[in-house]
Amino acid sequence: MTVTLIACFIVVALVFLRIPVGFAMLLVGILGIAHVRDMELALGLLGSTTMETVVSFELSVIPLFLLMGNVINRANISRELYDCANKFVAHRRGGLAMATVMSCGVFSAICGSSLATVATISKVALPAMRRHNYSDELAAGAIAAGGTLGVLIPPSVLLILYGLLTETSIGQLFAAGFIPGIIGVGFYLLAVQAAVWYKPSLGPAAERFPWRERLQSTKGVLLPVLLFLVVIGGIYAGFFTPTESAGIGAIASLMIAFGRGNFNLTDLKKVLIETVLVSASLFFILIGALYFSHLVTLSGFATSVLDLLGGANTSPMLVIFGIILIYLVLGCIMDSMAMVMLTVPIFAPLVMSLGFHPVWFGIIVVVVSEISFITPPIGINIFVLRSNQPDLSISTIYRGVTPFWISDLFRLALLTLFPALSLWLPSILF
């Protein structure tokens, strides 16, 4: 237990010194295993872990889903999604902010990237809200918070990585993320309504569109939504494995992009290079996390903690609340990917030993990491939005996201206290 805690402290220190998190976990893992056992075992595990990760068929799901998301992002589908949502709800107070949240939810579900969602939707939504005299606070908050929905709504890269780290079914994790994702959208819409109820000038009502225009606006989003239904629905229905589904999604997204006429071979080259670079960095982080998990296992961390909790007669639910609190604190000071990759090898075996379902815990971990995208001082979505919209101040964005991360805390409490919200759909489909 002491070895694991010291190792975690060293990894966090190295990350704050700007050492890449994958390299930090590998270095500490090698030295830790050499200390617990011997250097021969440490180097042997390094070779086997790297080889098994690189040649794994299941891991091909990561670059394929990334390719699908990058193609959809470059095909400029965001404008049609926002236009469709806008025509249905713009006539309400805060309607444009609600349209932003809904279009973020759909776009992030298709592309699977929180950062791409914020960068893309901000170019469409922010000018529209400013034209209708929306406050920059509400506009920025809706964009930054809406982008986080891609972290949970499948296909989610974090859910994939959690499944690989814990050997949990990716299909079950995708199914488990659907209802909490819908709840997240609903809570964000309530946050918008609460903000405009408290101060109506934040989001005045815009014009009402006739039903004919509303229905016509759905034509531009039919193919992207159909793509999502085929890719994710195929997994839920048992037609494809997640890897097969990712391959189908990548090919279908290319067909949609080329068919729209605004995607060419130059765009394809850029998309492929971006996918390779991001995939390589994710694989390196995953290798480091898997290797670090060997150290946690060999050090007997879970057994030691269970013995300690058993002697203190601590309630398992109290342990869960303690872990969530740790995540919330870490989320304020660490990047979400680094946080998840570092902590899951430590907490997941402990949580499973206490009798909790690994799929439910995966949803809790991803929801907490979702909150970290918009909580100061790190809040990566905040800085992505700031870099794309330089005229927005950091303080304005921080004020704007406050109602949204408060609503996230309520959603987190709901999902923690009622695990059936995450586990019902996987139990039906699998």
Protein backbone atom coordinates (compact mmCIF):
# COMPACT_ATOMS: atom_id res chain seq x y z
CA MET A 1 0.00 0.00 0.00
CA THR A 2 2.84 2.38 0.86
CA VAL A 3 4.66 1.58 -2.38
CA THR A 4 1.55 2.37 -4.47
CA LEU A 5 0.86 5.65 -2.67
CA ILE A 6 4.47 6.78 -3.08
CA ALA A 7 4.37 5.77 -6.76
CA CYS A 8 1.18 7.82 -7.31
CA PHE A 9 2.73 10.84 -5.64
CA ILE A 10 5.82 10.60 -7.85
CA VAL A 11 3.72 10.24 -11.03
CA VAL A 12 1.63 13.32 -10.12
CA ALA A 13 4.81 15.28 -9.38
CA LEU A 14 6.31 14.27 -12.73
CA VAL A 15 3.11 15.27 -14.55
CA PHE A 16 3.23 18.71 -12.90
CA LEU A 17 6.85 18.97 -14.10
CA ARG A 18 5.45 18.57 -17.65
CA ILE A 19 6.68 14.99 -18.09
CA PRO A 20 4.21 13.14 -20.42
CA VAL A 21 1.85 11.08 -18.28
CA GLY A 22 2.50 7.85 -20.23
CA PHE A 23 6.25 8.15 -19.77
CA ALA A 24 5.82 9.07 -16.08
CA MET A 25 3.72 5.95 -15.38
CA LEU A 26 6.15 3.73 -17.30
CA LEU A 27 9.21 5.06 -15.47
CA VAL A 28 7.64 4.84 -12.02
CA GLY A 29 6.17 1.42 -12.85
CA ILE A 30 9.56 0.01 -13.86
CA LEU A 31 11.30 1.31 -10.73
CA GLY A 32 8.39 0.23 -8.51
CA ILE A 33 8.22 -3.34 -9.84
CA ALA A 34 12.01 -3.60 -9.63
CA HIS A 35 11.72 -2.57 -5.97
CA VAL A 36 8.81 -4.91 -5.15
CA ARG A 37 10.22 -7.89 -7.14
CA ASP A 38 13.29 -7.50 -9.40
CA MET A 39 14.46 -5.67 -12.52
CA GLU A 40 14.24 -8.79 -14.70
CA LEU A 41 10.49 -9.05 -14.08
CA ALA A 42 10.08 -5.30 -14.59
CA LEU A 43 11.74 -5.36 -18.01
CA GLY A 44 9.96 -8.56 -19.01
CA LEU A 45 6.57 -7.00 -18.21
CA LEU A 46 7.56 -3.89 -20.16
CA GLY A 47 8.14 -5.93 -23.32
CA SER A 48 5.02 -8.09 -22.98
CA THR A 49 2.73 -5.16 -22.11
CA THR A 50 3.95 -3.09 -25.06
CA MET A 51 3.64 -5.97 -27.54
CA GLU A 52 0.19 -7.06 -26.34
CA THR A 53 -1.10 -3.49 -26.56
CA VAL A 54 0.28 -2.72 -30.01
CA VAL A 55 -0.94 -5.94 -31.68
CA SER A 56 -4.32 -6.10 -29.90
CA PHE A 57 -7.26 -6.39 -32.33
CA GLU A 58 -9.63 -4.87 -29.75
CA LEU A 59 -7.50 -1.72 -29.54
CA SER A 60 -8.03 -0.95 -33.22
CA VAL A 61 -11.37 0.47 -32.10
CA ILE A 62 -9.54 3.61 -30.90
CA PRO A 63 -8.02 4.86 -34.20
CA LEU A 64 -11.14 3.84 -36.15
CA PHE A 65 -13.50 5.84 -33.91
CA LEU A 66 -11.02 8.73 -33.93
CA LEU A 67 -10.96 8.63 -37.73
CA MET A 68 -14.76 8.70 -37.85
CA GLY A 69 -14.89 11.66 -35.49
CA ASN A 70 -12.20 13.61 -37.33
CA VAL A 71 -13.91 13.10 -40.70
CA ILE A 72 -17.29 14.22 -39.33
CA ASN A 73 -15.66 17.24 -37.71
CA ARG A 74 -13.93 18.34 -40.95
CA ALA A 75 -17.09 17.80 -43.01
CA ASN A 76 -18.68 20.86 -41.30
CA ILE A 77 -21.82 19.10 -40.12
CA SER A 78 -22.06 21.30 -37.03
CA ARG A 79 -23.86 24.13 -38.83
CA GLU A 80 -26.79 21.91 -39.89
CA LEU A 81 -27.09 20.43 -36.39
CA TYR A 82 -27.20 23.86 -34.78
CA ASP A 83 -29.64 25.21 -37.36
CA CYS A 84 -32.01 22.30 -36.76
CA ALA A 85 -31.94 22.63 -32.96
CA ASN A 86 -32.22 26.41 -33.22
CA LYS A 87 -35.43 26.29 -35.28
CA PHE A 88 -37.15 24.05 -32.76
CA VAL A 89 -36.36 25.97 -29.53
CA ALA A 90 -35.12 29.49 -30.43
CA HIS A 91 -38.48 31.10 -29.60
CA ARG A 92 -38.07 30.29 -25.90
CA ARG A 93 -36.07 32.36 -23.43
CA GLY A 94 -32.60 30.83 -23.47
CA GLY A 95 -33.64 28.88 -26.55
CA LEU A 96 -30.41 29.50 -28.48
CA ALA A 97 -28.37 28.31 -25.50
CA MET A 98 -30.55 25.19 -25.31
CA ALA A 99 -30.05 24.67 -29.05
CA THR A 100 -26.31 24.90 -28.44
CA VAL A 101 -26.46 22.23 -25.74
CA MET A 102 -28.56 19.92 -27.93
CA SER A 103 -26.37 20.36 -31.01
CA CYS A 104 -23.27 19.77 -28.85
CA GLY A 105 -24.83 16.57 -27.55
CA VAL A 106 -25.58 15.23 -31.04
CA PHE A 107 -22.31 16.40 -32.60
CA SER A 108 -20.16 15.05 -29.76
CA ALA A 109 -22.01 11.73 -29.90
CA ILE A 110 -21.07 11.46 -33.57
CA CYS A 111 -17.49 12.74 -33.41
CA GLY A 112 -16.65 11.49 -29.88
CA SER A 113 -14.41 14.46 -29.06
CA SER A 114 -15.15 17.09 -26.45
CA LEU A 115 -12.45 19.47 -27.69
CA ALA A 116 -13.53 19.21 -31.33
CA THR A 117 -17.13 19.88 -30.30
CA VAL A 118 -16.24 23.06 -28.43
CA ALA A 119 -13.97 24.34 -31.20
CA THR A 120 -16.52 23.61 -33.94
CA ILE A 121 -19.84 24.58 -32.33
CA SER A 122 -18.40 27.84 -30.95
CA LYS A 123 -17.86 29.13 -34.50
CA VAL A 124 -21.55 28.67 -35.26
CA ALA A 125 -23.34 29.24 -31.95
CA LEU A 126 -21.52 32.22 -30.45
CA PRO A 127 -22.14 34.65 -33.36
CA ALA A 128 -25.81 33.60 -33.47
CA MET A 129 -26.33 34.18 -29.75
CA ARG A 130 -24.58 37.54 -29.90
CA ARG A 131 -26.85 38.64 -32.76
CA HIS A 132 -29.82 37.96 -30.49
CA ASN A 133 -28.32 39.88 -27.53
CA TYR A 134 -27.41 36.86 -25.42
CA SER A 135 -24.89 37.51 -22.67
CA ASP A 136 -21.39 36.20 -23.33
CA GLU A 137 -21.54 34.37 -20.00
CA LEU A 138 -24.51 32.17 -20.92
CA ALA A 139 -23.27 31.68 -24.49
CA ALA A 140 -19.78 30.63 -23.42
CA GLY A 141 -21.11 28.43 -20.62
CA ALA A 142 -23.48 26.56 -22.94
CA ILE A 143 -20.71 25.91 -25.49
CA ALA A 144 -18.01 24.83 -23.00
CA ALA A 145 -20.38 22.64 -20.98
CA GLY A 146 -22.13 21.19 -24.02
CA GLY A 147 -18.79 20.01 -25.35
CA THR A 148 -18.28 17.77 -22.32
CA LEU A 149 -21.19 15.57 -23.37
CA GLY A 150 -18.94 13.79 -25.87
CA VAL A 151 -16.91 12.36 -23.00
CA LEU A 152 -19.84 10.13 -21.94
CA ILE A 153 -22.24 9.72 -24.86
CA PRO A 154 -20.93 6.82 -26.98
CA PRO A 155 -18.67 6.38 -28.84
CA SER A 156 -16.56 7.70 -25.97
CA VAL A 157 -12.77 7.31 -26.05
CA LEU A 158 -12.60 7.46 -22.24
CA LEU A 159 -15.14 4.63 -21.93
CA ILE A 160 -13.08 2.60 -24.40
CA LEU A 161 -9.88 3.19 -22.42
CA TYR A 162 -11.63 2.36 -19.13
CA GLY A 163 -12.92 -0.87 -20.67
CA LEU A 164 -9.44 -1.84 -21.84
CA LEU A 165 -7.84 -1.03 -18.50
CA THR A 166 -10.40 -3.00 -16.48
CA GLU A 167 -11.25 -5.71 -19.07
CA THR A 168 -14.87 -4.57 -19.04
CA SER A 169 -17.15 -5.00 -22.07
CA ILE A 170 -17.00 -1.86 -24.22
CA GLY A 171 -20.46 -2.65 -25.56
CA GLN A 172 -21.89 -2.68 -22.04
CA LEU A 173 -20.09 0.57 -21.21
CA PHE A 174 -21.52 2.24 -24.32
CA ALA A 175 -25.01 1.07 -23.38
CA ALA A 176 -24.50 2.24 -19.80
CA GLY A 177 -23.46 5.73 -20.95
CA PHE A 178 -26.58 6.38 -23.00
CA ILE A 179 -29.13 7.16 -20.25
CA PRO A 180 -26.66 9.18 -18.09
CA GLY A 181 -25.76 11.11 -21.26
CA ILE A 182 -29.42 11.95 -21.90
CA ILE A 183 -29.78 12.94 -18.24
CA GLY A 184 -26.75 15.20 -18.69
CA VAL A 185 -28.38 16.97 -21.63
CA GLY A 186 -31.58 17.38 -19.60
CA PHE A 187 -29.74 18.82 -16.60
CA TYR A 188 -27.89 21.29 -18.83
CA LEU A 189 -31.19 22.43 -20.34
CA LEU A 190 -32.51 22.94 -16.80
CA ALA A 191 -29.36 24.94 -15.97
CA VAL A 192 -30.09 27.24 -18.93
CA GLN A 193 -33.69 27.64 -17.81
CA ALA A 194 -32.62 28.40 -14.25
CA ALA A 195 -30.16 31.05 -15.48
CA VAL A 196 -32.72 32.87 -17.66
CA TRP A 197 -35.39 32.58 -14.95
CA TYR A 198 -33.05 34.25 -12.48
CA LYS A 199 -31.97 36.91 -15.01
CA PRO A 200 -34.12 37.02 -18.19
CA SER A 201 -31.75 39.41 -19.96
CA LEU A 202 -29.14 36.64 -20.20
CA GLY A 203 -31.04 34.92 -23.01
CA PRO A 204 -33.99 36.75 -24.64
CA ALA A 205 -36.37 34.84 -26.89
CA ALA A 206 -35.76 34.86 -30.66
CA GLU A 207 -38.22 34.48 -33.52
CA ARG A 208 -40.51 31.47 -33.82
CA PHE A 209 -40.02 29.36 -36.96
CA PRO A 210 -43.00 27.71 -38.71
CA TRP A 211 -43.22 23.92 -38.54
CA ARG A 212 -42.49 23.66 -42.23
CA GLU A 213 -39.05 25.22 -41.77
CA ARG A 214 -38.41 23.14 -38.68
CA LEU A 215 -39.08 19.90 -40.53
CA GLN A 216 -37.02 21.00 -43.53
CA SER A 217 -34.03 21.67 -41.25
CA THR A 218 -33.95 18.00 -40.23
CA LYS A 219 -32.86 16.95 -43.74
CA GLY A 220 -29.31 18.16 -43.15
CA VAL A 221 -28.86 16.02 -40.05
CA LEU A 222 -30.49 12.78 -41.21
CA LEU A 223 -27.31 11.11 -42.49
CA PRO A 224 -25.11 11.97 -39.46
CA VAL A 225 -27.83 10.81 -37.06
CA LEU A 226 -28.33 7.65 -39.13
CA LEU A 227 -24.58 7.05 -38.91
CA PHE A 228 -24.76 7.27 -35.12
CA LEU A 229 -27.75 4.91 -34.99
CA VAL A 230 -26.05 2.33 -37.21
CA VAL A 231 -22.71 2.44 -35.37
CA ILE A 232 -24.03 2.44 -31.80
CA GLY A 233 -27.30 0.63 -32.50
CA GLY A 234 -25.37 -2.16 -34.21
CA ILE A 235 -23.39 -2.72 -31.02
CA TYR A 236 -26.51 -2.62 -28.85
CA ALA A 237 -28.35 -5.04 -31.14
CA GLY A 238 -25.43 -7.44 -31.25
CA PHE A 239 -24.89 -7.08 -35.02
CA PHE A 240 -21.29 -5.84 -34.66
CA THR A 241 -18.50 -5.93 -32.15
CA PRO A 242 -17.25 -2.45 -31.13
CA THR A 243 -14.24 -2.88 -33.44
CA GLU A 244 -16.40 -3.87 -36.41
CA SER A 245 -18.77 -1.01 -35.64
CA ALA A 246 -15.87 1.46 -35.57
CA GLY A 247 -14.69 0.21 -38.97
CA ILE A 248 -18.17 0.60 -40.46
CA GLY A 249 -18.46 4.07 -38.93
CA ALA A 250 -15.10 5.17 -40.36
CA ILE A 251 -16.02 4.04 -43.90
CA ALA A 252 -19.56 5.47 -43.67
CA SER A 253 -18.29 8.84 -42.39
CA LEU A 254 -15.90 9.07 -45.37
CA MET A 255 -18.79 8.31 -47.75
CA ILE A 256 -20.94 11.02 -46.12
CA ALA A 257 -18.10 13.56 -46.17
CA PHE A 258 -17.20 12.98 -49.83
CA GLY A 259 -20.89 12.86 -50.77
CA ARG A 260 -21.48 16.33 -49.30
CA GLY A 261 -18.90 17.78 -51.69
CA ASN A 262 -16.97 19.78 -49.06
CA PHE A 263 -14.34 17.11 -48.35
CA ASN A 264 -11.42 16.35 -50.67
CA LEU A 265 -8.18 14.34 -50.76
CA THR A 266 -6.27 17.15 -49.02
CA ASP A 267 -8.77 17.01 -46.14
CA LEU A 268 -8.41 13.22 -46.07
CA LYS A 269 -4.63 13.51 -45.77
CA LYS A 270 -4.95 15.97 -42.86
CA VAL A 271 -7.53 13.76 -41.14
CA LEU A 272 -5.36 10.64 -41.45
CA ILE A 273 -2.27 12.43 -40.08
CA GLU A 274 -4.27 13.84 -37.16
CA THR A 275 -5.75 10.41 -36.40
CA VAL A 276 -2.33 8.74 -36.42
CA LEU A 277 -0.81 11.36 -34.10
CA VAL A 278 -3.67 11.24 -31.58
CA SER A 279 -3.84 7.43 -31.71
CA ALA A 280 -0.11 7.11 -31.09
CA SER A 281 -0.28 9.40 -28.05
CA LEU A 282 -3.29 7.52 -26.64
CA PHE A 283 -1.56 4.16 -27.15
CA PHE A 284 1.53 5.39 -25.33
CA ILE A 285 -0.60 6.61 -22.42
CA LEU A 286 -2.48 3.30 -22.36
CA ILE A 287 0.75 1.28 -22.31
CA GLY A 288 1.95 3.36 -19.37
CA ALA A 289 -1.36 2.90 -17.54
CA LEU A 290 -1.46 -0.86 -18.14
CA TYR A 291 2.12 -1.19 -16.93
CA PHE A 292 1.41 0.93 -13.87
CA SER A 293 -1.54 -1.37 -13.08
CA HIS A 294 0.95 -4.27 -12.84
CA LEU A 295 2.72 -2.38 -10.07
CA VAL A 296 -0.57 -1.81 -8.24
CA THR A 297 -1.40 -5.52 -8.51
CA LEU A 298 2.05 -6.76 -7.45
CA SER A 299 2.16 -4.37 -4.48
CA GLY A 300 -1.12 -5.79 -3.12
CA PHE A 301 -2.73 -2.37 -2.83
CA ALA A 302 -6.36 -3.54 -3.06
CA THR A 303 -5.85 -6.30 -0.49
CA SER A 304 -4.15 -3.92 1.94
CA VAL A 305 -6.92 -1.33 1.64
CA LEU A 306 -9.63 -3.98 2.08
CA ASP A 307 -7.94 -5.25 5.25
CA LEU A 308 -7.72 -1.68 6.51
CA LEU A 309 -11.37 -0.97 5.76
CA GLY A 310 -12.47 -4.27 7.25
CA GLY A 311 -10.70 -3.47 10.50
CA ALA A 312 -12.35 -0.04 10.62
CA ASN A 313 -15.82 -1.38 9.64
CA THR A 314 -16.06 1.27 6.95
CA SER A 315 -19.18 1.33 4.78
CA PRO A 316 -18.43 0.49 1.10
CA MET A 317 -20.59 3.42 0.00
CA LEU A 318 -18.49 5.74 2.16
CA VAL A 319 -15.43 4.50 0.27
CA ILE A 320 -17.14 5.33 -3.03
CA PHE A 321 -17.91 8.87 -1.85
CA GLY A 322 -14.28 9.22 -0.75
CA ILE A 323 -13.05 8.12 -4.20
CA ILE A 324 -15.44 10.56 -5.91
CA LEU A 325 -14.16 13.38 -3.70
CA ILE A 326 -10.58 12.52 -4.69
CA TYR A 327 -11.60 12.61 -8.35
CA LEU A 328 -13.30 16.00 -7.95
CA VAL A 329 -10.18 17.46 -6.34
CA LEU A 330 -7.84 15.92 -8.92
CA GLY A 331 -10.11 17.16 -11.72
CA CYS A 332 -9.44 20.75 -10.66
CA ILE A 333 -5.68 20.38 -11.05
CA MET A 334 -5.11 17.59 -13.61
CA ASP A 335 -6.01 16.85 -17.21
CA SER A 336 -8.91 14.38 -17.32
CA MET A 337 -7.08 11.81 -19.47
CA ALA A 338 -4.08 11.79 -17.14
CA MET A 339 -6.37 11.58 -14.11
CA VAL A 340 -8.32 8.59 -15.43
CA MET A 341 -5.27 6.70 -16.67
CA LEU A 342 -3.47 7.17 -13.35
CA THR A 343 -6.31 6.38 -10.98
CA VAL A 344 -8.34 3.62 -12.66
CA PRO A 345 -5.61 0.95 -12.15
CA ILE A 346 -5.65 1.85 -8.45
CA PHE A 347 -9.34 2.35 -7.70
CA ALA A 348 -11.03 -0.15 -10.04
CA PRO A 349 -9.71 -3.34 -8.33
CA LEU A 350 -10.64 -1.88 -4.94
CA VAL A 351 -14.17 -0.95 -6.06
CA MET A 352 -14.76 -4.37 -7.60
CA SER A 353 -13.47 -6.05 -4.43
CA LEU A 354 -16.12 -4.13 -2.50
CA GLY A 355 -18.81 -5.70 -4.72
CA PHE A 356 -19.64 -2.76 -7.00
CA HIS A 357 -20.29 -3.27 -10.70
CA PRO A 358 -17.33 -2.26 -12.94
CA VAL A 359 -19.67 -0.84 -15.60
CA TRP A 360 -21.35 1.45 -13.05
CA PHE A 361 -17.99 2.60 -11.69
CA GLY A 362 -16.83 3.32 -15.24
CA ILE A 363 -19.77 5.67 -15.75
CA ILE A 364 -19.04 7.43 -12.45
CA VAL A 365 -15.37 7.88 -13.41
CA VAL A 366 -16.25 9.32 -16.83
CA VAL A 367 -18.91 11.67 -15.39
CA VAL A 368 -16.38 13.00 -12.87
CA SER A 369 -13.83 13.49 -15.65
CA GLU A 370 -16.57 15.26 -17.62
CA ILE A 371 -16.92 17.74 -14.75
CA SER A 372 -13.16 18.32 -14.80
CA PHE A 373 -13.41 19.70 -18.36
CA ILE A 374 -15.16 22.84 -17.06
CA THR A 375 -13.91 23.25 -13.48
CA PRO A 376 -11.23 25.85 -12.71
CA PRO A 377 -8.33 26.26 -12.77
CA ILE A 378 -7.52 23.61 -15.44
CA GLY A 379 -10.88 23.20 -17.27
CA ILE A 380 -9.49 22.30 -20.70
CA ASN A 381 -12.75 23.14 -22.53
CA ILE A 382 -12.54 26.64 -21.12
CA PHE A 383 -9.10 27.19 -22.64
CA VAL A 384 -10.09 25.60 -25.97
CA LEU A 385 -13.03 28.01 -26.19
CA ARG A 386 -10.80 30.93 -25.20
CA SER A 387 -8.24 30.04 -27.89
CA ASN A 388 -10.97 29.87 -30.56
CA GLN A 389 -12.75 33.03 -29.35
CA PRO A 390 -10.00 35.39 -28.08
CA ASP A 391 -12.48 38.18 -27.31
CA LEU A 392 -13.99 36.04 -24.51
CA SER A 393 -12.22 36.50 -21.19
CA ILE A 394 -11.40 33.53 -18.98
CA SER A 395 -13.38 35.07 -16.11
CA THR A 396 -16.47 35.39 -18.33
CA ILE A 397 -16.27 31.72 -19.31
CA TYR A 398 -15.73 30.65 -15.69
CA ARG A 399 -18.87 32.53 -14.62
CA GLY A 400 -20.79 31.08 -17.54
CA VAL A 401 -19.98 27.42 -16.77
CA THR A 402 -20.84 27.68 -13.07
CA PRO A 403 -24.55 26.68 -13.39
CA PHE A 404 -23.53 23.77 -15.59
CA TRP A 405 -20.94 22.15 -13.33
CA ILE A 406 -23.34 22.62 -10.40
CA SER A 407 -25.96 20.67 -12.38
CA ASP A 408 -23.26 18.06 -13.08
CA LEU A 409 -22.79 17.57 -9.34
CA PHE A 410 -26.51 16.83 -8.98
CA ARG A 411 -26.31 14.34 -11.86
CA LEU A 412 -23.26 12.70 -10.28
CA ALA A 413 -25.12 12.29 -6.98
CA LEU A 414 -28.13 10.84 -8.80
CA LEU A 415 -26.04 8.28 -10.71
CA THR A 416 -24.11 7.34 -7.57
CA LEU A 417 -27.20 6.77 -5.43
CA PHE A 418 -29.20 5.01 -8.17
CA PRO A 419 -26.89 2.61 -10.06
CA ALA A 420 -29.86 1.27 -12.05
CA LEU A 421 -29.75 4.43 -14.18
CA SER A 422 -26.44 3.16 -15.58
CA LEU A 423 -27.00 -0.60 -15.38
CA TRP A 424 -30.59 -1.02 -16.60
CA LEU A 425 -29.89 -0.69 -20.34
CA PRO A 426 -26.82 -2.99 -20.36
CA SER A 427 -28.81 -5.60 -18.42
CA ILE A 428 -31.54 -5.50 -21.09
CA LEU A 429 -29.26 -5.47 -24.14
CA PHE A 430 -26.53 -7.82 -22.89
